[in-house]
């Protein structure tokens, strides 16, 4: 297949990947991908942000997606997170890494540093938070919102790539698209969060429902507006530091892909096993919409027929 060719979902038998990368503000392509082709997917939840760019990185099959679309046309609230995550699952991805621009809420986490968060706080208000509903209910566990194994890979990859890396912290997700007021910024600092962004929720929730490993490479661009000796956050400052961070992020992601074991040893791949409340058979509409996620769990429990019906069955068989 030629480089850059575009497929729809009907022609993607060979369009598969094992590792997904979501590029945030400033990271609209991924250098180093080889044998690149584009795949445009249809999902039960609508269209993803952009075509997926599939290729090889260190011998591994990788799918890259620009979260904000080509040319950065989607605000954080406008992103179809469900379609994006479902599309990765359609491609066969089992591990998903998000590269995201963030502001720092602590003096020690400086612009151009990288942080690999281990916790999240959700302050979004206008987003679809779940694949489920419409007759099927599931409650996945989210006490640890990031895959611990994938986090460890990123934490180890950052220093090898020459990036100043913080191995844990809390990511606060706000709705946007405006940056925080100074009063809000000081309030968030009183909560002891480490970085602030606009996109990693509901991504993390949906990745867990899709039984994908998920972790974030948070690229620090600024000090938000709480810092008294720094200028308030602006798009120009963010983009300037994002361009400087792009090479570091690509090297870190490349190191993580290079060192990733072929098999998963975490529990992310069975997140729905104890989460489904609704008993099958599921409503037809929900069954079609959730087919990819529910397939391992959609078979009703076999129950023996009553004795009278069994005898009737034997008589009819004769």
Foldseek 3Di string as FASTA:
>chain_A
DDAAEEEEPVPCPVQAFAEEEEEEPQPADFPQFPPWYWYWYQALQGGAQETWIWGAFLRGIYTYHHQCHVVNPRFQLRGSLLNNLVVNVSRVYFAYEYEFEWAWLDPVQDAQAKEWAFAEDEAEDRHDQELDDPFWFWDFDCPGLAFPVLLVLLQVLLVVLVHRYHSYWYEYAHADPDADDLVVSVVVVVVVGTIYYHHCPPNSSHCLLQLHHYIYTYRHQYNAANDPPDDHDDPVSRNVSSVVNVSSVSSSVSSSVNPDDPDDDTCSNCRRVPTIPDADPTDPVSCVNCVSSCVVPNDHDDDDDPPVVVVVVVVVVD
